[in-house]
C-alpha cells in the first residue's frame, strides 16, 4: 500500500464513481480500477460494493477512508514542515544578551519576529560578556548581542552593528562633578573607580585601562563586582565612580548622574562604544539571516523603539 493508492482510494470513496474519480486524478479508468483492485488484494478485504448503477463503501472501506484521510493529512503536514525547516521558516533560534541596552530593543524585535515566523521557537538568555562569547563559540546560542570590544581578533564571526553609544561617567548625585555637562577624562585621574570584574568582562576591563593610560594616569580601582547592577549600587553608595556607555541611562536610579566624557584627540581611544549582534559564519541555522533582517528593519525604525539619544549605526 502506497500513498498514491490511498489517494486513488479516497477519490473513489468521495465520488462513489470511478469515472469521476479518474477525471479528478487525470488517470485512465482502467488504471484506477487496477489500483483499487490491487489495494483490496493486498489488504485482503473488499473496499467497495459495485454494480452497473452504483458504487458503495463497505464497512471495511469506510474505516480505511477515515484512516487514509488522517494518514495523508499527516504526510502533507510533515512535507510542509520539512520544507519550512529547509527554508528557515521553522526550527529554533537561541539568543544571548548582556541584559542592558538589549532591554530596549529585544522585546519588540522578538515579538515582531514571532508574528512573522510563528513556527520558529525563540529563546533569550542573559549572559556576561565572556559567557556570550563562549556559548556562541560552542553553539549553545545562535546570536549574541554584545559589545564589539574584544571581537576584532576573533575569526569566523559575522556581526551587525546595533547602536553606538558615547562613553559617560556615572557619579553619585552629590559628587562635585555631577552637574557638569561634560567632563574631560584626564580630570578624573584622582578618583576611585569601580569596574566590572576582569574575569567576567576582560574586554571592558582592558579597554578601561587603555583609556586611562592614554590619558596619562593609572586608575585607582577600589572594587570589581561581577554585575553592572552591583556596580551602580556601589556608585550610589559613594564607594567610587564608574565609566559606562550612554545606554545605561535608562537603568539609573534618581540618585545617580550620567555625564558625558570628553576623550582627548590623539589619545588613540575610540570615543564611542559599539554594540553588535554577532553570530558564527558557519552556523547552518537558517533562522539567523531571517532574524538579522528583522533587526535591520528595527534599526531603520529605531526612534520608535529606543530613546532618541541612542543613535543607531548603519555602517
C-alpha atoms as a PDB file:
ATOM      1  CA  UNK A   1       0.000   0.000   0.000  1.00  0.00           C
ATOM      2  CA  UNK A   2       1.471   3.337  -1.038  1.00  0.00           C
ATOM      3  CA  UNK A   3       0.463   6.995  -0.919  1.00  0.00           C
ATOM      4  CA  UNK A   4      -0.897   7.043  -4.447  1.00  0.00           C
ATOM      5  CA  UNK A   5      -3.112   4.027  -3.804  1.00  0.00           C
ATOM      6  CA  UNK A   6      -4.540   5.857  -0.791  1.00  0.00           C
ATOM      7  CA  UNK A   7      -5.142   8.977  -2.867  1.00  0.00           C
ATOM      8  CA  UNK A   8      -6.868   6.913  -5.574  1.00  0.00           C
ATOM      9  CA  UNK A   9      -8.982   5.162  -2.937  1.00  0.00           C
ATOM     10  CA  UNK A  10     -10.042   8.438  -1.253  1.00  0.00           C
ATOM     11  CA  UNK A  11     -11.087   9.955  -4.580  1.00  0.00           C
ATOM     12  CA  UNK A  12     -13.273   6.953  -5.435  1.00  0.00           C
ATOM     13  CA  UNK A  13     -14.697   6.898  -1.893  1.00  0.00           C
ATOM     14  CA  UNK A  14     -15.660  10.577  -2.126  1.00  0.00           C
ATOM     15  CA  UNK A  15     -17.110  10.452  -5.647  1.00  0.00           C
ATOM     16  CA  UNK A  16     -18.503   6.899  -5.427  1.00  0.00           C
ATOM     17  CA  UNK A  17     -17.929   6.908  -9.143  1.00  0.00           C
ATOM     18  CA  UNK A  18     -14.861   5.511 -10.906  1.00  0.00           C
ATOM     19  CA  UNK A  19     -15.320   7.691 -13.976  1.00  0.00           C
ATOM     20  CA  UNK A  20     -15.476  10.944 -11.976  1.00  0.00           C
ATOM     21  CA  UNK A  21     -12.572   9.882  -9.778  1.00  0.00           C
ATOM     22  CA  UNK A  22     -10.446   9.061 -12.826  1.00  0.00           C
ATOM     23  CA  UNK A  23     -11.150  12.519 -14.257  1.00  0.00           C
ATOM     24  CA  UNK A  24     -10.144  14.198 -10.984  1.00  0.00           C
ATOM     25  CA  UNK A  25      -6.927  12.186 -10.833  1.00  0.00           C
ATOM     26  CA  UNK A  26      -6.112  12.559 -14.544  1.00  0.00           C
ATOM     27  CA  UNK A  27      -5.664   8.810 -14.964  1.00  0.00           C
ATOM     28  CA  UNK A  28      -7.411   6.234 -17.090  1.00  0.00           C
ATOM     29  CA  UNK A  29     -10.383   4.475 -15.545  1.00  0.00           C
ATOM     30  CA  UNK A  30      -8.781   1.087 -16.146  1.00  0.00           C
ATOM     31  CA  UNK A  31      -5.633   2.212 -14.305  1.00  0.00           C
ATOM     32  CA  UNK A  32      -7.726   3.430 -11.383  1.00  0.00           C
ATOM     33  CA  UNK A  33      -9.728   0.192 -11.252  1.00  0.00           C
ATOM     34  CA  UNK A  34      -6.499  -1.833 -11.211  1.00  0.00           C
ATOM     35  CA  UNK A  35      -5.040   0.252  -8.359  1.00  0.00           C
ATOM     36  CA  UNK A  36      -8.168  -0.267  -6.257  1.00  0.00           C
ATOM     37  CA  UNK A  37      -8.189  -3.997  -7.051  1.00  0.00           C
ATOM     38  CA  UNK A  38      -4.501  -4.289  -6.085  1.00  0.00           C
ATOM     39  CA  UNK A  39      -5.218  -2.458  -2.799  1.00  0.00           C
ATOM     40  CA  UNK A  40      -8.122  -4.771  -1.988  1.00  0.00           C
ATOM     41  CA  UNK A  41      -5.939  -7.784  -2.768  1.00  0.00           C
ATOM     42  CA  UNK A  42      -3.102  -6.508  -0.555  1.00  0.00           C
ATOM     43  CA  UNK A  43      -5.440  -5.810   2.355  1.00  0.00           C
ATOM     44  CA  UNK A  44      -7.483  -8.986   1.840  1.00  0.00           C
ATOM     45  CA  UNK A  45     -10.805  -7.133   2.081  1.00  0.00           C
ATOM     46  CA  UNK A  46     -13.417  -5.734  -0.261  1.00  0.00           C
ATOM     47  CA  UNK A  47     -13.494  -1.934  -0.077  1.00  0.00           C
ATOM     48  CA  UNK A  48     -16.402  -1.254  -2.423  1.00  0.00           C
ATOM     49  CA  UNK A  49     -19.567  -2.991  -3.495  1.00  0.00           C
ATOM     50  CA  UNK A  50     -20.283  -2.076  -7.067  1.00  0.00           C
ATOM     51  CA  UNK A  51     -22.713  -2.899  -9.817  1.00  0.00           C
ATOM     52  CA  UNK A  52     -23.614  -1.212 -13.105  1.00  0.00           C
ATOM     53  CA  UNK A  53     -25.594   1.526 -11.359  1.00  0.00           C
ATOM     54  CA  UNK A  54     -23.778   2.322  -8.105  1.00  0.00           C
ATOM     55  CA  UNK A  55     -20.595   2.158  -6.054  1.00  0.00           C
ATOM     56  CA  UNK A  56     -20.711   1.978  -2.265  1.00  0.00           C
ATOM     57  CA  UNK A  57     -18.156   1.694   0.515  1.00  0.00           C
ATOM     58  CA  UNK A  58     -18.129  -1.480   2.539  1.00  0.00           C
ATOM     59  CA  UNK A  59     -17.721  -1.284   6.320  1.00  0.00           C
ATOM     60  CA  UNK A  60     -14.023  -2.012   5.892  1.00  0.00           C
ATOM     61  CA  UNK A  61     -13.875   0.637   3.177  1.00  0.00           C
ATOM     62  CA  UNK A  62     -15.427   3.237   5.470  1.00  0.00           C
ATOM     63  CA  UNK A  63     -12.785   2.507   8.140  1.00  0.00           C
ATOM     64  CA  UNK A  64      -9.981   2.806   5.578  1.00  0.00           C
ATOM     65  CA  UNK A  65     -11.465   6.074   4.287  1.00  0.00           C
ATOM     66  CA  UNK A  66     -11.224   7.704   7.738  1.00  0.00           C
ATOM     67  CA  UNK A  67      -7.726   6.353   8.392  1.00  0.00           C
ATOM     68  CA  UNK A  68      -6.426   7.213   4.911  1.00  0.00           C
ATOM     69  CA  UNK A  69      -7.539  10.819   5.281  1.00  0.00           C
ATOM     70  CA  UNK A  70      -5.669  11.088   8.597  1.00  0.00           C
ATOM     71  CA  UNK A  71      -2.567   9.446   7.119  1.00  0.00           C
ATOM     72  CA  UNK A  72      -2.443  11.757   4.104  1.00  0.00           C
ATOM     73  CA  UNK A  73      -3.104  14.838   6.252  1.00  0.00           C
ATOM     74  CA  UNK A  74      -0.145  13.858   8.448  1.00  0.00           C
ATOM     75  CA  UNK A  75       2.052  13.241   5.407  1.00  0.00           C
ATOM     76  CA  UNK A  76       1.130  16.642   3.952  1.00  0.00           C
ATOM     77  CA  UNK A  77       1.843  18.299   7.314  1.00  0.00           C
ATOM     78  CA  UNK A  78       5.219  16.557   7.505  1.00  0.00           C
ATOM     79  CA  UNK A  79       6.174  17.607   3.980  1.00  0.00           C
ATOM     80  CA  UNK A  80       5.201  21.213   4.746  1.00  0.00           C
ATOM     81  CA  UNK A  81       7.192  21.183   7.988  1.00  0.00           C
ATOM     82  CA  UNK A  82      10.288  19.790   6.263  1.00  0.00           C
ATOM     83  CA  UNK A  83      10.052  22.417   3.529  1.00  0.00           C
ATOM     84  CA  UNK A  84       9.602  25.190   6.101  1.00  0.00           C
ATOM     85  CA  UNK A  85      12.635  23.969   8.033  1.00  0.00           C
ATOM     86  CA  UNK A  86      14.749  23.861   4.869  1.00  0.00           C
ATOM     87  CA  UNK A  87      13.656  27.427   4.110  1.00  0.00           C
ATOM     88  CA  UNK A  88      14.456  28.675   7.592  1.00  0.00           C
ATOM     89  CA  UNK A  89      10.785  29.191   8.498  1.00  0.00           C
ATOM     90  CA  UNK A  90      10.702  26.520  11.190  1.00  0.00           C
ATOM     91  CA  UNK A  91      13.033  25.437  13.954  1.00  0.00           C
ATOM     92  CA  UNK A  92      14.657  27.178  16.911  1.00  0.00           C
ATOM     93  CA  UNK A  93      16.724  30.323  17.461  1.00  0.00           C
ATOM     94  CA  UNK A  94      18.723  30.842  20.662  1.00  0.00           C
ATOM     95  CA  UNK A  95      19.746  34.401  21.519  1.00  0.00           C
ATOM     96  CA  UNK A  96      22.159  35.586  24.197  1.00  0.00           C
ATOM     97  CA  UNK A  97      22.042  39.122  25.596  1.00  0.00           C
ATOM     98  CA  UNK A  98      24.005  41.086  28.187  1.00  0.00           C
ATOM     99  CA  UNK A  99      20.780  42.451  29.651  1.00  0.00           C
ATOM    100  CA  UNK A 100      21.319  46.206  29.479  1.00  0.00           C
ATOM    101  CA  UNK A 101      20.735  48.061  26.215  1.00  0.00           C
ATOM    102  CA  UNK A 102      19.043  44.998  24.686  1.00  0.00           C
ATOM    103  CA  UNK A 103      16.087  45.522  27.019  1.00  0.00           C
ATOM    104  CA  UNK A 104      15.146  48.483  24.859  1.00  0.00           C
ATOM    105  CA  UNK A 105      15.231  46.539  21.610  1.00  0.00           C
ATOM    106  CA  UNK A 106      14.790  42.796  22.112  1.00  0.00           C
ATOM    107  CA  UNK A 107      11.127  42.602  23.306  1.00  0.00           C
ATOM    108  CA  UNK A 108       9.723  44.412  20.281  1.00  0.00           C
ATOM    109  CA  UNK A 109      12.130  42.678  17.915  1.00  0.00           C
ATOM    110  CA  UNK A 110      11.289  39.180  19.165  1.00  0.00           C
ATOM    111  CA  UNK A 111       7.564  39.979  19.139  1.00  0.00           C
ATOM    112  CA  UNK A 112       7.715  41.106  15.500  1.00  0.00           C
ATOM    113  CA  UNK A 113       9.850  38.119  14.516  1.00  0.00           C
ATOM    114  CA  UNK A 114       7.456  35.696  16.212  1.00  0.00           C
ATOM    115  CA  UNK A 115       4.472  37.210  14.388  1.00  0.00           C
ATOM    116  CA  UNK A 116       6.257  36.837  11.061  1.00  0.00           C
ATOM    117  CA  UNK A 117       7.681  33.360  11.759  1.00  0.00           C
ATOM    118  CA  UNK A 118       5.386  31.700  14.337  1.00  0.00           C
ATOM    119  CA  UNK A 119       6.914  28.249  13.780  1.00  0.00           C
ATOM    120  CA  UNK A 120      10.388  29.360  14.898  1.00  0.00           C
ATOM    121  CA  UNK A 121      10.846  28.961  18.652  1.00  0.00           C
ATOM    122  CA  UNK A 122      12.926  31.855  20.009  1.00  0.00           C
ATOM    123  CA  UNK A 123      14.645  31.679  23.397  1.00  0.00           C
ATOM    124  CA  UNK A 124      16.510  34.559  25.056  1.00  0.00           C
ATOM    125  CA  UNK A 125      19.052  34.100  27.866  1.00  0.00           C
ATOM    126  CA  UNK A 126      21.179  36.637  29.714  1.00  0.00           C
ATOM    127  CA  UNK A 127      24.954  36.145  29.902  1.00  0.00           C
ATOM    128  CA  UNK A 128      28.073  38.066  30.811  1.00  0.00           C
ATOM    129  CA  UNK A 129      30.290  39.340  28.002  1.00  0.00           C
ATOM    130  CA  UNK A 130      32.638  36.385  28.457  1.00  0.00           C
ATOM    131  CA  UNK A 131      29.852  33.781  28.548  1.00  0.00           C
ATOM    132  CA  UNK A 132      28.162  35.195  25.445  1.00  0.00           C
ATOM    133  CA  UNK A 133      31.369  34.609  23.525  1.00  0.00           C
ATOM    134  CA  UNK A 134      31.843  31.127  24.995  1.00  0.00           C
ATOM    135  CA  UNK A 135      28.273  29.981  24.347  1.00  0.00           C
ATOM    136  CA  UNK A 136      28.404  31.415  20.846  1.00  0.00           C
ATOM    137  CA  UNK A 137      31.619  29.522  20.167  1.00  0.00           C
ATOM    138  CA  UNK A 138      30.304  26.184  21.465  1.00  0.00           C
ATOM    139  CA  UNK A 139      26.981  26.505  19.673  1.00  0.00           C
ATOM    140  CA  UNK A 140      24.727  26.951  22.710  1.00  0.00           C
ATOM    141  CA  UNK A 141      23.418  30.208  21.255  1.00  0.00           C
ATOM    142  CA  UNK A 142      22.938  31.263  17.644  1.00  0.00           C
ATOM    143  CA  UNK A 143      23.119  35.059  18.003  1.00  0.00           C
ATOM    144  CA  UNK A 144      24.763  37.130  20.711  1.00  0.00           C
ATOM    145  CA  UNK A 145      24.081  40.779  21.479  1.00  0.00           C
ATOM    146  CA  UNK A 146      27.317  42.110  22.907  1.00  0.00           C
ATOM    147  CA  UNK A 147      29.970  44.813  22.692  1.00  0.00           C
ATOM    148  CA  UNK A 148      32.320  44.983  19.744  1.00  0.00           C
ATOM    149  CA  UNK A 149      35.213  45.374  22.205  1.00  0.00           C
ATOM    150  CA  UNK A 150      37.467  42.332  22.026  1.00  0.00           C
ATOM    151  CA  UNK A 151      35.845  40.852  18.921  1.00  0.00           C
ATOM    152  CA  UNK A 152      38.277  42.422  16.467  1.00  0.00           C
ATOM    153  CA  UNK A 153      40.691  39.493  16.508  1.00  0.00           C
ATOM    154  CA  UNK A 154      38.109  36.696  16.601  1.00  0.00           C
ATOM    155  CA  UNK A 155      37.857  34.827  13.303  1.00  0.00           C
ATOM    156  CA  UNK A 156      34.796  33.127  11.867  1.00  0.00           C
ATOM    157  CA  UNK A 157      32.294  35.685  13.165  1.00  0.00           C
ATOM    158  CA  UNK A 158      29.846  37.938  11.379  1.00  0.00           C
ATOM    159  CA  UNK A 159      28.333  40.966  13.035  1.00  0.00           C
ATOM    160  CA  UNK A 160      25.653  43.572  12.550  1.00  0.00           C
ATOM    161  CA  UNK A 161      26.124  46.980  14.236  1.00  0.00           C
ATOM    162  CA  UNK A 162      23.237  47.845  16.519  1.00  0.00           C
ATOM    163  CA  UNK A 163      23.950  51.044  18.450  1.00  0.00           C
ATOM    164  CA  UNK A 164      26.839  53.406  19.020  1.00  0.00           C
ATOM    165  CA  UNK A 165      26.981  54.998  22.475  1.00  0.00           C
ATOM    166  CA  UNK A 166      29.183  57.808  23.818  1.00  0.00           C
ATOM    167  CA  UNK A 167      31.290  56.999  26.873  1.00  0.00           C
ATOM    168  CA  UNK A 168      29.999  58.512  30.100  1.00  0.00           C
ATOM    169  CA  UNK A 169      30.938  58.640  33.761  1.00  0.00           C
ATOM    170  CA  UNK A 170      28.391  57.573  36.376  1.00  0.00           C
ATOM    171  CA  UNK A 171      28.515  59.668  39.554  1.00  0.00           C
ATOM    172  CA  UNK A 172      26.563  59.952  42.806  1.00  0.00           C
ATOM    173  CA  UNK A 173      24.118  62.866  42.651  1.00  0.00           C
ATOM    174  CA  UNK A 174      26.149  64.770  45.277  1.00  0.00           C
ATOM    175  CA  UNK A 175      29.537  64.385  43.562  1.00  0.00           C
ATOM    176  CA  UNK A 176      31.223  67.743  42.803  1.00  0.00           C
ATOM    177  CA  UNK A 177      31.130  66.976  39.064  1.00  0.00           C
ATOM    178  CA  UNK A 178      27.572  65.614  38.988  1.00  0.00           C
ATOM    179  CA  UNK A 179      26.078  68.740  37.409  1.00  0.00           C
ATOM    180  CA  UNK A 180      28.665  69.149  34.654  1.00  0.00           C
ATOM    181  CA  UNK A 181      27.519  68.873  31.048  1.00  0.00           C
ATOM    182  CA  UNK A 182      30.707  67.049  30.024  1.00  0.00           C
ATOM    183  CA  UNK A 183      33.957  66.083  31.735  1.00  0.00           C
ATOM    184  CA  UNK A 184      37.459  65.707  30.320  1.00  0.00           C
ATOM    185  CA  UNK A 185      38.592  62.212  31.157  1.00  0.00           C
ATOM    186  CA  UNK A 186      42.002  63.351  32.407  1.00  0.00           C
ATOM    187  CA  UNK A 187      40.323  65.310  35.224  1.00  0.00           C
ATOM    188  CA  UNK A 188      39.229  62.011  36.809  1.00  0.00           C
ATOM    189  CA  UNK A 189      42.800  60.843  37.466  1.00  0.00           C
ATOM    190  CA  UNK A 190      42.474  61.078  41.271  1.00  0.00           C
ATOM    191  CA  UNK A 191      39.052  59.431  41.527  1.00  0.00           C
ATOM    192  CA  UNK A 192      38.300  55.989  42.976  1.00  0.00           C
ATOM    193  CA  UNK A 193      36.959  53.746  40.225  1.00  0.00           C
ATOM    194  CA  UNK A 194      34.634  50.772  40.102  1.00  0.00           C
ATOM    195  CA  UNK A 195      34.745  48.410  37.128  1.00  0.00           C
ATOM    196  CA  UNK A 196      33.210  45.056  36.278  1.00  0.00           C
ATOM    197  CA  UNK A 197      35.420  42.074  37.049  1.00  0.00           C
ATOM    198  CA  UNK A 198      38.145  41.240  34.562  1.00  0.00           C
ATOM    199  CA  UNK A 199      37.114  37.555  34.670  1.00  0.00           C
ATOM    200  CA  UNK A 200      33.561  38.474  33.636  1.00  0.00           C
ATOM    201  CA  UNK A 201      34.337  41.173  31.089  1.00  0.00           C
ATOM    202  CA  UNK A 202      38.025  41.198  30.139  1.00  0.00           C
ATOM    203  CA  UNK A 203      37.480  43.358  27.034  1.00  0.00           C
ATOM    204  CA  UNK A 204      35.851  46.181  29.003  1.00  0.00           C
ATOM    205  CA  UNK A 205      38.476  45.851  31.754  1.00  0.00           C
ATOM    206  CA  UNK A 206      41.373  46.113  29.300  1.00  0.00           C
ATOM    207  CA  UNK A 207      39.702  48.911  27.364  1.00  0.00           C
ATOM    208  CA  UNK A 208      39.288  50.951  30.556  1.00  0.00           C
ATOM    209  CA  UNK A 209      42.958  50.559  31.476  1.00  0.00           C
ATOM    210  CA  UNK A 210      43.995  51.632  27.973  1.00  0.00           C
ATOM    211  CA  UNK A 211      41.668  54.616  28.250  1.00  0.00           C
ATOM    212  CA  UNK A 212      43.365  55.684  31.492  1.00  0.00           C
ATOM    213  CA  UNK A 213      46.892  55.028  30.233  1.00  0.00           C
ATOM    214  CA  UNK A 214      46.286  57.064  27.088  1.00  0.00           C
ATOM    215  CA  UNK A 215      45.201  59.970  29.284  1.00  0.00           C
ATOM    216  CA  UNK A 216      48.314  59.777  31.439  1.00  0.00           C
ATOM    217  CA  UNK A 217      47.272  58.011  34.634  1.00  0.00           C
ATOM    218  CA  UNK A 218      46.822  54.624  36.318  1.00  0.00           C
ATOM    219  CA  UNK A 219      43.337  54.217  37.798  1.00  0.00           C
ATOM    220  CA  UNK A 220      42.717  53.588  41.476  1.00  0.00           C
ATOM    221  CA  UNK A 221      40.275  50.666  41.314  1.00  0.00           C
ATOM    222  CA  UNK A 222      38.516  50.018  44.628  1.00  0.00           C
ATOM    223  CA  UNK A 223      36.089  47.257  43.607  1.00  0.00           C
ATOM    224  CA  UNK A 224      35.438  44.851  40.710  1.00  0.00           C
ATOM    225  CA  UNK A 225      31.932  43.360  41.029  1.00  0.00           C
ATOM    226  CA  UNK A 226      30.617  40.840  38.515  1.00  0.00           C
ATOM    227  CA  UNK A 227      27.299  42.561  37.801  1.00  0.00           C
ATOM    228  CA  UNK A 228      26.570  46.022  36.407  1.00  0.00           C
ATOM    229  CA  UNK A 229      23.698  46.288  38.890  1.00  0.00           C
ATOM    230  CA  UNK A 230      26.179  45.873  41.758  1.00  0.00           C
ATOM    231  CA  UNK A 231      28.465  48.417  40.127  1.00  0.00           C
ATOM    232  CA  UNK A 232      25.693  51.022  40.081  1.00  0.00           C
ATOM    233  CA  UNK A 233      24.693  50.208  43.653  1.00  0.00           C
ATOM    234  CA  UNK A 234      28.265  50.841  44.828  1.00  0.00           C
ATOM    235  CA  UNK A 235      28.429  54.143  42.927  1.00  0.00           C
ATOM    236  CA  UNK A 236      25.173  55.219  44.557  1.00  0.00           C
ATOM    237  CA  UNK A 237      26.662  54.228  47.927  1.00  0.00           C
ATOM    238  CA  UNK A 238      29.546  56.638  47.372  1.00  0.00           C
ATOM    239  CA  UNK A 239      32.245  53.958  47.079  1.00  0.00           C
ATOM    240  CA  UNK A 240      33.535  55.325  43.772  1.00  0.00           C
ATOM    241  CA  UNK A 241      32.611  56.247  40.215  1.00  0.00           C
ATOM    242  CA  UNK A 242      32.476  54.192  37.037  1.00  0.00           C
ATOM    243  CA  UNK A 243      32.718  54.603  33.284  1.00  0.00           C
ATOM    244  CA  UNK A 244      29.993  53.089  31.113  1.00  0.00           C
ATOM    245  CA  UNK A 245      28.362  53.866  27.799  1.00  0.00           C
ATOM    246  CA  UNK A 246      25.286  56.086  27.481  1.00  0.00           C
ATOM    247  CA  UNK A 247      22.967  53.095  27.103  1.00  0.00           C
ATOM    248  CA  UNK A 248      22.907  52.737  30.895  1.00  0.00           C
ATOM    249  CA  UNK A 249      20.883  55.960  31.275  1.00  0.00           C
ATOM    250  CA  UNK A 250      17.541  54.159  31.385  1.00  0.00           C
ATOM    251  CA  UNK A 251      18.695  51.951  34.265  1.00  0.00           C
ATOM    252  CA  UNK A 252      19.966  54.617  36.684  1.00  0.00           C
ATOM    253  CA  UNK A 253      18.314  55.484  39.960  1.00  0.00           C
ATOM    254  CA  UNK A 254      17.396  59.136  40.688  1.00  0.00           C
ATOM    255  CA  UNK A 255      20.454  59.345  42.957  1.00  0.00           C
ATOM    256  CA  UNK A 256      22.908  58.795  40.090  1.00  0.00           C
ATOM    257  CA  UNK A 257      24.079  61.168  37.391  1.00  0.00           C
ATOM    258  CA  UNK A 258      25.377  60.382  33.918  1.00  0.00           C
ATOM    259  CA  UNK A 259      27.879  62.842  32.444  1.00  0.00           C
ATOM    260  CA  UNK A 260      29.412  62.505  29.000  1.00  0.00           C
ATOM    261  CA  UNK A 261      33.185  62.099  28.830  1.00  0.00           C
ATOM    262  CA  UNK A 262      35.418  64.122  26.564  1.00  0.00           C
ATOM    263  CA  UNK A 263      38.105  61.850  25.118  1.00  0.00           C
ATOM    264  CA  UNK A 264      41.182  63.805  24.085  1.00  0.00           C
ATOM    265  CA  UNK A 265      42.023  63.858  20.398  1.00  0.00           C
ATOM    266  CA  UNK A 266      45.134  61.890  19.595  1.00  0.00           C
ATOM    267  CA  UNK A 267      44.763  59.664  22.649  1.00  0.00           C
ATOM    268  CA  UNK A 268      44.265  56.626  20.443  1.00  0.00           C
ATOM    269  CA  UNK A 269      40.954  55.856  22.154  1.00  0.00           C
ATOM    270  CA  UNK A 270      37.714  55.425  20.238  1.00  0.00           C
ATOM    271  CA  UNK A 271      35.288  57.831  21.941  1.00  0.00           C
ATOM    272  CA  UNK A 272      32.201  55.683  21.405  1.00  0.00           C
ATOM    273  CA  UNK A 273      31.276  52.131  22.318  1.00  0.00           C
ATOM    274  CA  UNK A 274      29.685  49.944  19.633  1.00  0.00           C
ATOM    275  CA  UNK A 275      27.177  47.207  20.400  1.00  0.00           C
ATOM    276  CA  UNK A 276      26.673  44.443  17.837  1.00  0.00           C
ATOM    277  CA  UNK A 277      24.688  41.341  17.058  1.00  0.00           C
ATOM    278  CA  UNK A 278      27.199  38.601  16.310  1.00  0.00           C
ATOM    279  CA  UNK A 279      26.956  35.025  15.024  1.00  0.00           C
ATOM    280  CA  UNK A 280      29.263  32.290  13.738  1.00  0.00           C
ATOM    281  CA  UNK A 281      29.703  32.405   9.996  1.00  0.00           C
ATOM    282  CA  UNK A 282      29.491  28.617   9.671  1.00  0.00           C
ATOM    283  CA  UNK A 283      26.298  28.265  11.737  1.00  0.00           C
ATOM    284  CA  UNK A 284      23.814  26.482   9.408  1.00  0.00           C
ATOM    285  CA  UNK A 285      20.709  27.722  11.262  1.00  0.00           C
ATOM    286  CA  UNK A 286      18.627  29.345   8.523  1.00  0.00           C
ATOM    287  CA  UNK A 287      16.663  31.348  11.094  1.00  0.00           C
ATOM    288  CA  UNK A 288      19.736  33.540  11.718  1.00  0.00           C
ATOM    289  CA  UNK A 289      19.564  35.589   8.474  1.00  0.00           C
ATOM    290  CA  UNK A 290      15.803  35.961   8.952  1.00  0.00           C
ATOM    291  CA  UNK A 291      16.311  37.429  12.416  1.00  0.00           C
ATOM    292  CA  UNK A 292      19.156  39.697  11.282  1.00  0.00           C
ATOM    293  CA  UNK A 293      16.914  41.044   8.528  1.00  0.00           C
ATOM    294  CA  UNK A 294      14.258  41.862  11.144  1.00  0.00           C
ATOM    295  CA  UNK A 295      16.977  43.552  13.210  1.00  0.00           C
ATOM    296  CA  UNK A 296      17.910  45.756  10.244  1.00  0.00           C
ATOM    297  CA  UNK A 297      14.267  46.723   9.794  1.00  0.00           C
ATOM    298  CA  UNK A 298      14.044  47.552  13.512  1.00  0.00           C
ATOM    299  CA  UNK A 299      17.204  49.661  13.276  1.00  0.00           C
ATOM    300  CA  UNK A 300      15.673  51.712  10.493  1.00  0.00           C
ATOM    301  CA  UNK A 301      12.679  52.403  12.754  1.00  0.00           C
ATOM    302  CA  UNK A 302      14.698  52.655  15.977  1.00  0.00           C
ATOM    303  CA  UNK A 303      13.313  56.011  17.201  1.00  0.00           C
ATOM    304  CA  UNK A 304      10.083  54.136  17.892  1.00  0.00           C
ATOM    305  CA  UNK A 305      11.917  51.543  19.976  1.00  0.00           C
ATOM    306  CA  UNK A 306      14.604  53.369  21.939  1.00  0.00           C
ATOM    307  CA  UNK A 307      15.487  56.784  23.299  1.00  0.00           C
ATOM    308  CA  UNK A 308      16.390  59.249  20.575  1.00  0.00           C
ATOM    309  CA  UNK A 309      19.655  59.894  22.422  1.00  0.00           C
ATOM    310  CA  UNK A 310      20.812  56.476  21.273  1.00  0.00           C
ATOM    311  CA  UNK A 311      21.724  56.756  17.627  1.00  0.00           C
ATOM    312  CA  UNK A 312      21.664  53.504  15.619  1.00  0.00           C
ATOM    313  CA  UNK A 313      24.606  52.750  13.382  1.00  0.00           C
ATOM    314  CA  UNK A 314      24.094  51.948   9.739  1.00  0.00           C
ATOM    315  CA  UNK A 315      27.706  51.364   8.730  1.00  0.00           C
END
